[in-house]
Amino acid sequence: MPPARTRDEAVASERQFDVVIVGAGPAGMTAALYTGRAMLKTVVLERGEPGGELLNTEYLDDVIGFPKILGRDLAEKFASHAQQFGAEFQQFVNVQSVKKLEDGSFETRTDVGDVYHSPVVIATAGGTPLKLGIPGEFEYAGRGVSYCAICDANFFKQQTIVVVGGGDAACEEADYLTRFASKVYLVHRRDSFRASAVVQKHVFENPKIEVVFNTVAEEVLGQPGVGMTGLRVRHVLTGEQKTMDVTGLFVFIGFRPNTGIIDGHFTHDEMGYVKTDDAMMTSIPGLFAAGDLRSQLTRQVTTACGDATTAAIAADKYITGLREAGNGASTATRASEAVESAHVRAGGYA
């Protein structure tokens, strides 16, 4: 991976690409691989290092071909592979807006002043961890409250901590945290987990994890200059309140999709996730979405890669449709023909 430009080194510029990809997680890097293979001039804009949630995952055992691989190692393999086909990566830049212009193209602006013009944007920006929204959570963020086990586990060696959540992420991270903490409470508001069976098995067989069902967190307790000292919880059936003597709280209750950068109306579900058609195109022609940003049944590395593969191939067909429509056609006509091209059955899309 080439060194990223720092903010001081970055020179504001306007550049033309065939495809701008927002986000360099598994979806973004897979999309870059396929657009690069299609000889489309591609740039990937990433606010940190390439990898997305892979960087917050110790290891994976559900990626075909890799029975067990570190998240960071897989991220490096993805990035290296994508770059083999010419995709340009810009790291440590925040995309501020993606706007569709009157001529049908997109203008993507970053916080370092760069402007990228392209007929296609593939949004793979993922999501931001959801907060509990309880008193003390904000005050003790970084001083006991965390949303990333890989990042912060080392600060809680031989301490008693609590994890809140009931999905795969909460269960996996609770299991991981027992490598550092002396005891981990796993608090869930329902009477059963929604995590996969194999993940639940690891939780119930781990002697350092105590599961607390039908319970919600109500307040993070602490002292200024000291940090978090406890968590007040409430049993949802009995209403009984108690204080858990813990010095750390890890929250894994889901993500909010990062769609704020997209200007204009687009179709989304009740949670704000972007709705797409079978070609991964949004309700805005030329704007594709893939990965955790998209409304779908499940969010895994493999599903993100599948989304991105479809989006990239459809994007190639969309661009081909624009070119075949010709410069003399109206913007509406070119867009219509390009959308049709992106969905042709000959390319595998209905």
Protein backbone atom coordinates (compact mmCIF):
# COMPACT_ATOMS: atom_id res chain seq x y z
CA MET A 1 0.00 0.00 0.00
CA PRO A 2 1.53 3.37 -0.99
CA PRO A 3 1.83 5.97 1.77
CA ALA A 4 -1.26 8.11 2.16
CA ARG A 5 -1.11 11.84 1.76
CA THR A 6 -1.34 13.77 5.01
CA ARG A 7 -3.57 16.81 5.26
CA ASP A 8 -0.51 19.06 4.97
CA GLU A 9 0.73 17.24 1.88
CA ALA A 10 -2.64 17.09 0.17
CA VAL A 11 -3.11 19.55 -2.66
CA ALA A 12 -6.67 20.44 -3.55
CA SER A 13 -7.44 19.27 -7.05
CA GLU A 14 -10.22 18.28 -9.43
CA ARG A 15 -9.84 14.90 -11.09
CA GLN A 16 -11.88 12.78 -13.46
CA PHE A 17 -12.47 9.06 -12.89
CA ASP A 18 -14.78 6.42 -14.29
CA VAL A 19 -15.66 5.16 -10.82
CA VAL A 20 -15.34 6.68 -7.37
CA ILE A 21 -15.66 4.17 -4.54
CA VAL A 22 -16.44 5.52 -1.08
CA GLY A 23 -15.05 3.24 1.61
CA ALA A 24 -12.30 0.60 1.58
CA GLY A 25 -13.82 -2.24 3.53
CA PRO A 26 -14.36 -5.68 1.97
CA ALA A 27 -17.08 -4.29 -0.32
CA GLY A 28 -15.08 -1.28 -1.46
CA MET A 29 -11.95 -3.26 -2.18
CA THR A 30 -13.85 -5.99 -4.02
CA ALA A 31 -15.58 -3.36 -6.15
CA ALA A 32 -12.18 -1.81 -6.91
CA LEU A 33 -10.86 -5.20 -7.99
CA TYR A 34 -13.66 -5.67 -10.50
CA THR A 35 -13.75 -2.12 -11.86
CA GLY A 36 -9.98 -2.27 -12.25
CA ARG A 37 -10.25 -5.54 -14.16
CA ALA A 38 -12.78 -3.83 -16.43
CA MET A 39 -10.15 -1.16 -17.22
CA LEU A 40 -12.19 1.54 -15.51
CA LYS A 41 -10.19 4.36 -13.95
CA THR A 42 -10.98 3.89 -10.26
CA VAL A 43 -10.24 5.73 -7.04
CA VAL A 44 -11.08 4.44 -3.56
CA LEU A 45 -11.57 7.05 -0.83
CA GLU A 46 -11.08 5.80 2.72
CA ARG A 47 -11.23 7.77 5.98
CA GLY A 48 -8.69 5.47 7.66
CA GLU A 49 -6.76 2.41 6.58
CA PRO A 50 -8.20 -0.07 4.08
CA GLY A 51 -10.05 -2.86 5.84
CA GLY A 52 -13.17 -1.42 7.40
CA GLU A 53 -14.55 -3.71 10.11
CA LEU A 54 -11.86 -6.28 9.29
CA LEU A 55 -9.48 -4.08 11.28
CA ASN A 56 -11.72 -4.50 14.34
CA THR A 57 -11.91 -8.28 13.96
CA GLU A 58 -9.26 -10.50 15.50
CA TYR A 59 -9.76 -13.42 13.17
CA LEU A 60 -12.34 -14.88 10.80
CA ASP A 61 -13.24 -18.50 10.13
CA ASP A 62 -16.13 -17.99 7.73
CA VAL A 63 -14.38 -16.68 4.62
CA ILE A 64 -14.17 -19.47 2.06
CA GLY A 65 -10.60 -20.55 1.40
CA PHE A 66 -9.36 -19.14 4.73
CA PRO A 67 -10.25 -21.53 7.59
CA LYS A 68 -8.74 -19.03 10.03
CA ILE A 69 -7.20 -15.68 9.18
CA LEU A 70 -6.51 -12.46 11.07
CA GLY A 71 -8.79 -9.60 10.08
CA ARG A 72 -5.85 -7.29 9.39
CA ASP A 73 -4.12 -9.94 7.27
CA LEU A 74 -7.25 -10.40 5.16
CA ALA A 75 -7.55 -6.62 4.75
CA GLU A 76 -3.98 -6.43 3.46
CA LYS A 77 -4.62 -9.25 0.99
CA PHE A 78 -7.77 -7.51 -0.28
CA ALA A 79 -6.00 -4.18 -0.76
CA SER A 80 -2.98 -5.71 -2.48
CA HIS A 81 -5.19 -7.69 -4.85
CA ALA A 82 -7.32 -4.65 -5.75
CA GLN A 83 -4.25 -2.56 -6.50
CA GLN A 84 -2.92 -5.15 -8.93
CA PHE A 85 -5.57 -3.99 -11.38
CA GLY A 86 -4.82 -0.29 -11.06
CA ALA A 87 -7.24 1.03 -8.45
CA GLU A 88 -5.90 4.15 -6.73
CA PHE A 89 -6.33 4.33 -2.95
CA GLN A 90 -6.58 7.62 -1.07
CA GLN A 91 -6.35 7.05 2.69
CA PHE A 92 -7.21 9.26 5.65
CA VAL A 93 -9.61 11.44 3.70
CA ASN A 94 -13.21 12.01 4.70
CA VAL A 95 -15.80 12.26 1.97
CA GLN A 96 -17.98 15.27 2.71
CA SER A 97 -20.54 14.98 -0.07
CA VAL A 98 -21.60 12.99 -3.11
CA LYS A 99 -23.76 15.11 -5.38
CA LYS A 100 -25.38 14.33 -8.72
CA LEU A 101 -24.97 17.19 -11.20
CA GLU A 102 -27.36 18.33 -13.92
CA ASP A 103 -25.35 16.55 -16.60
CA GLY A 104 -25.90 13.23 -14.80
CA SER A 105 -22.36 12.87 -13.46
CA PHE A 106 -21.33 12.90 -9.81
CA GLU A 107 -19.19 15.32 -7.85
CA THR A 108 -17.50 13.85 -4.78
CA ARG A 109 -15.82 16.26 -2.35
CA THR A 110 -13.39 15.44 0.46
CA ASP A 111 -12.28 17.29 3.57
CA VAL A 112 -8.83 17.96 2.05
CA GLY A 113 -10.41 19.98 -0.73
CA ASP A 114 -10.18 17.45 -3.53
CA VAL A 115 -13.06 17.10 -5.99
CA TYR A 116 -13.64 13.93 -7.98
CA HIS A 117 -15.90 13.79 -11.04
CA SER A 118 -17.28 10.47 -12.28
CA PRO A 119 -20.30 8.96 -14.05
CA VAL A 120 -20.54 6.32 -11.30
CA VAL A 121 -20.16 6.24 -7.53
CA ILE A 122 -20.18 3.01 -5.54
CA ALA A 123 -20.98 3.74 -1.89
CA THR A 124 -19.57 1.20 0.56
CA ALA A 125 -19.11 3.47 3.57
CA GLY A 126 -20.54 0.98 6.07
CA GLY A 127 -21.92 2.23 9.35
CA THR A 128 -21.21 3.83 12.71
CA PRO A 129 -21.73 1.89 15.97
CA LEU A 130 -25.06 2.61 17.64
CA LYS A 131 -24.96 4.14 21.11
CA LEU A 132 -27.13 3.13 24.05
CA GLY A 133 -28.13 6.73 24.66
CA ILE A 134 -27.97 6.43 28.44
CA PRO A 135 -26.59 8.89 31.03
CA GLY A 136 -22.84 8.67 31.46
CA GLU A 137 -22.20 6.92 28.15
CA PHE A 138 -20.83 10.02 26.45
CA GLU A 139 -19.00 11.28 29.54
CA TYR A 140 -17.07 8.03 29.98
CA ALA A 141 -16.46 7.21 26.32
CA GLY A 142 -12.78 6.31 26.14
CA ARG A 143 -12.63 6.11 29.94
CA GLY A 144 -14.40 2.80 30.33
CA VAL A 145 -16.97 2.87 27.53
CA SER A 146 -15.88 1.38 24.21
CA TYR A 147 -17.32 0.21 20.89
CA CYS A 148 -14.27 -1.75 19.72
CA ALA A 149 -12.93 -4.79 21.57
CA ILE A 150 -9.86 -5.24 19.38
CA CYS A 151 -8.93 -1.59 19.95
CA ASP A 152 -9.39 -1.40 23.71
CA ALA A 153 -9.32 -4.91 25.22
CA ASN A 154 -5.74 -4.50 26.39
CA PHE A 155 -6.79 -1.69 28.76
CA PHE A 156 -8.99 -4.05 30.78
CA LYS A 157 -6.57 -6.77 31.84
CA GLN A 158 -7.78 -8.63 34.93
CA GLN A 159 -10.82 -6.38 35.27
CA THR A 160 -14.54 -7.12 35.42
CA ILE A 161 -16.38 -5.70 32.44
CA VAL A 162 -19.77 -5.89 30.73
CA VAL A 163 -20.78 -6.32 27.10
CA VAL A 164 -24.22 -5.18 25.93
CA GLY A 165 -25.83 -6.79 22.89
CA GLY A 166 -27.25 -10.06 21.63
CA GLY A 167 -26.00 -10.57 18.08
CA ASP A 168 -22.92 -12.17 16.59
CA ALA A 169 -20.76 -9.13 17.28
CA ALA A 170 -21.66 -8.94 20.98
CA CYS A 171 -21.14 -12.67 21.55
CA GLU A 172 -17.91 -12.85 19.56
CA GLU A 173 -16.43 -9.82 21.29
CA ALA A 174 -17.47 -11.05 24.74
CA ASP A 175 -15.64 -14.30 24.03
CA TYR A 176 -12.59 -12.39 22.79
CA LEU A 177 -12.54 -10.06 25.81
CA THR A 178 -12.17 -13.00 28.21
CA ARG A 179 -8.57 -13.23 27.03
CA PHE A 180 -7.93 -10.00 28.90
CA ALA A 181 -10.66 -9.44 31.50
CA SER A 182 -11.06 -11.64 34.57
CA LYS A 183 -14.85 -11.72 34.12
CA VAL A 184 -17.27 -10.61 31.40
CA TYR A 185 -20.99 -10.05 31.88
CA LEU A 186 -23.00 -10.33 28.67
CA VAL A 187 -26.20 -8.31 29.05
CA HIS A 188 -29.06 -8.70 26.58
CA ARG A 189 -32.55 -7.20 26.69
CA ARG A 190 -34.26 -10.36 25.43
CA ASP A 191 -34.45 -13.93 26.76
CA SER A 192 -32.28 -15.39 24.00
CA PHE A 193 -29.50 -14.33 21.67
CA ARG A 194 -29.95 -13.73 17.96
CA ALA A 195 -26.35 -14.78 17.29
CA SER A 196 -25.56 -17.87 15.24
CA ALA A 197 -25.55 -21.22 17.05
CA VAL A 198 -21.80 -21.76 16.86
CA VAL A 199 -21.10 -18.31 18.32
CA GLN A 200 -23.59 -18.88 21.16
CA LYS A 201 -21.91 -22.20 21.90
CA HIS A 202 -18.60 -20.44 22.51
CA VAL A 203 -20.31 -18.02 24.90
CA PHE A 204 -22.13 -20.61 26.98
CA GLU A 205 -19.04 -22.80 27.22
CA ASN A 206 -16.76 -19.97 28.36
CA PRO A 207 -16.44 -20.06 32.18
CA LYS A 208 -15.45 -16.39 32.33
CA ILE A 209 -18.71 -15.20 30.75
CA GLU A 210 -21.90 -14.72 32.77
CA VAL A 211 -25.00 -14.20 30.62
CA VAL A 212 -27.64 -11.77 31.92
CA PHE A 213 -30.88 -11.97 29.91
CA ASN A 214 -33.96 -9.69 30.03
CA THR A 215 -31.85 -6.79 31.24
CA VAL A 216 -31.11 -3.31 29.90
CA ALA A 217 -28.41 -0.79 30.77
CA GLU A 218 -29.71 2.45 32.29
CA GLU A 219 -26.73 4.52 33.44
CA VAL A 220 -22.95 4.46 33.32
CA LEU A 221 -21.52 5.36 36.71
CA GLY A 222 -18.12 6.84 37.30
CA GLN A 223 -15.93 9.45 38.90
CA PRO A 224 -14.18 12.38 37.19
CA GLY A 225 -10.49 11.68 36.88
CA VAL A 226 -11.04 7.99 37.62
CA GLY A 227 -13.33 6.76 34.89
CA MET A 228 -16.17 4.27 34.84
CA THR A 229 -16.90 2.51 38.13
CA GLY A 230 -20.19 0.72 37.48
CA LEU A 231 -23.28 0.18 35.36
CA ARG A 232 -26.84 0.53 36.57
CA VAL A 233 -29.14 -2.01 34.92
CA ARG A 234 -32.84 -2.91 35.07
CA HIS A 235 -34.60 -6.25 34.64
CA VAL A 236 -37.25 -5.72 31.95
CA LEU A 237 -39.75 -8.17 33.48
CA THR A 238 -39.52 -7.38 37.18
CA GLY A 239 -38.33 -3.78 37.00
CA GLU A 240 -35.65 -4.56 39.56
CA GLN A 241 -32.62 -2.27 39.38
CA LYS A 242 -29.10 -3.06 40.47
CA THR A 243 -25.59 -1.76 40.02
CA MET A 244 -22.98 -3.96 38.40
CA ASP A 245 -19.47 -3.48 39.76
CA VAL A 246 -17.64 -3.15 36.44
CA THR A 247 -14.94 -0.85 35.10
CA GLY A 248 -15.60 -1.33 31.41
CA LEU A 249 -18.60 -1.31 29.07
CA PHE A 250 -18.45 -2.57 25.48
CA VAL A 251 -21.49 -1.78 23.35
CA PHE A 252 -22.39 -3.94 20.33
CA ILE A 253 -26.01 -3.25 19.45
CA GLY A 254 -25.73 -2.56 15.75
CA PHE A 255 -24.72 0.13 13.30
CA ARG A 256 -26.20 3.24 11.75
CA PRO A 257 -25.54 3.38 7.99
CA ASN A 258 -23.23 6.19 6.86
CA THR A 259 -25.54 7.74 4.28
CA GLY A 260 -25.20 11.36 5.36
CA ILE A 261 -22.71 12.13 2.59
CA ILE A 262 -25.25 11.41 -0.16
CA ASP A 263 -27.05 14.52 -1.39
CA GLY A 264 -30.59 14.15 -2.67
CA HIS A 265 -33.39 11.69 -2.01
CA PHE A 266 -32.73 7.97 -2.21
CA THR A 267 -34.92 5.06 -1.20
CA HIS A 268 -34.09 3.50 2.16
CA ASP A 269 -35.66 1.20 4.74
CA GLU A 270 -36.98 2.15 8.17
CA MET A 271 -33.48 1.85 9.66
CA GLY A 272 -31.93 4.15 7.06
CA TYR A 273 -30.15 1.43 5.08
CA VAL A 274 -30.04 2.06 1.34
CA LYS A 275 -32.43 0.07 -0.83
CA THR A 276 -31.07 -1.13 -4.16
CA ASP A 277 -32.26 -3.16 -7.11
CA ASP A 278 -30.74 -6.48 -8.16
CA ALA A 279 -27.84 -4.67 -9.81
CA MET A 280 -27.06 -2.85 -6.53
CA MET A 281 -28.17 0.45 -8.06
CA THR A 282 -29.94 2.88 -5.76
CA SER A 283 -32.92 5.00 -6.73
CA ILE A 284 -30.37 7.53 -8.01
CA PRO A 285 -29.13 6.34 -11.44
CA GLY A 286 -25.38 5.78 -11.44
CA LEU A 287 -25.17 5.53 -7.64
CA PHE A 288 -24.56 1.97 -6.47
CA ALA A 289 -24.38 0.67 -2.90
CA ALA A 290 -22.76 -2.45 -1.50
CA GLY A 291 -21.95 -4.02 1.84
CA ASP A 292 -23.15 -2.93 5.27
CA LEU A 293 -24.65 0.27 3.86
CA ARG A 294 -27.27 -1.70 1.96
CA SER A 295 -30.64 -2.96 3.21
CA GLN A 296 -30.36 -6.74 3.33
CA LEU A 297 -30.93 -9.85 5.43
CA THR A 298 -27.40 -10.34 6.71
CA ARG A 299 -24.09 -8.49 6.80
CA GLN A 300 -21.00 -10.63 6.40
CA VAL A 301 -17.66 -10.25 4.64
CA THR A 302 -18.81 -12.68 1.98
CA THR A 303 -22.14 -10.92 1.36
CA ALA A 304 -20.33 -7.58 1.12
CA CYS A 305 -18.00 -9.04 -1.50
CA GLY A 306 -20.96 -10.46 -3.43
CA ASP A 307 -22.76 -7.11 -3.37
CA ALA A 308 -19.63 -5.36 -4.59
CA THR A 309 -19.02 -7.82 -7.39
CA THR A 310 -22.52 -7.23 -8.71
CA ALA A 311 -22.26 -3.46 -8.26
CA ALA A 312 -18.94 -3.23 -10.09
CA ILE A 313 -20.02 -5.34 -13.06
CA ALA A 314 -23.31 -3.45 -13.31
CA ALA A 315 -21.43 -0.15 -13.05
CA ASP A 316 -19.27 -1.18 -16.00
CA LYS A 317 -22.41 -1.91 -18.04
CA TYR A 318 -23.93 1.40 -16.92
CA ILE A 319 -20.90 3.33 -18.13
CA THR A 320 -20.93 1.39 -21.39
CA GLY A 321 -24.58 2.35 -21.81
CA LEU A 322 -23.76 6.02 -21.30
CA ARG A 323 -21.05 5.87 -23.94
CA GLU A 324 -23.21 4.02 -26.44
CA ALA A 325 -26.06 6.50 -25.97
CA GLY A 326 -23.71 9.18 -27.26
CA ASN A 327 -23.06 12.76 -26.30
CA GLY A 328 -25.87 14.00 -28.52
CA ALA A 329 -28.59 12.33 -26.47
CA SER A 330 -30.32 14.13 -23.65
CA THR A 331 -29.21 13.49 -20.08
CA ALA A 332 -32.46 11.66 -19.35
CA THR A 333 -32.12 9.45 -22.43
CA ARG A 334 -28.51 8.59 -21.70
CA ALA A 335 -29.34 7.76 -18.09
CA SER A 336 -32.31 5.61 -19.11
CA GLU A 337 -30.27 3.64 -21.62
CA ALA A 338 -27.42 3.28 -19.16
CA VAL A 339 -29.73 1.93 -16.47
CA GLU A 340 -31.12 -0.56 -18.96
CA SER A 341 -27.59 -1.65 -19.84
CA ALA A 342 -26.80 -2.22 -16.18
CA HIS A 343 -29.70 -4.66 -15.91
CA VAL A 344 -29.37 -6.68 -19.09
CA ARG A 345 -29.98 -10.35 -18.55
CA ALA A 346 -26.99 -11.23 -20.70
CA GLY A 347 -24.84 -9.88 -17.90
CA GLY A 348 -26.61 -11.96 -15.29
CA TYR A 349 -28.88 -9.27 -13.91
CA ALA A 350 -32.66 -9.28 -13.92
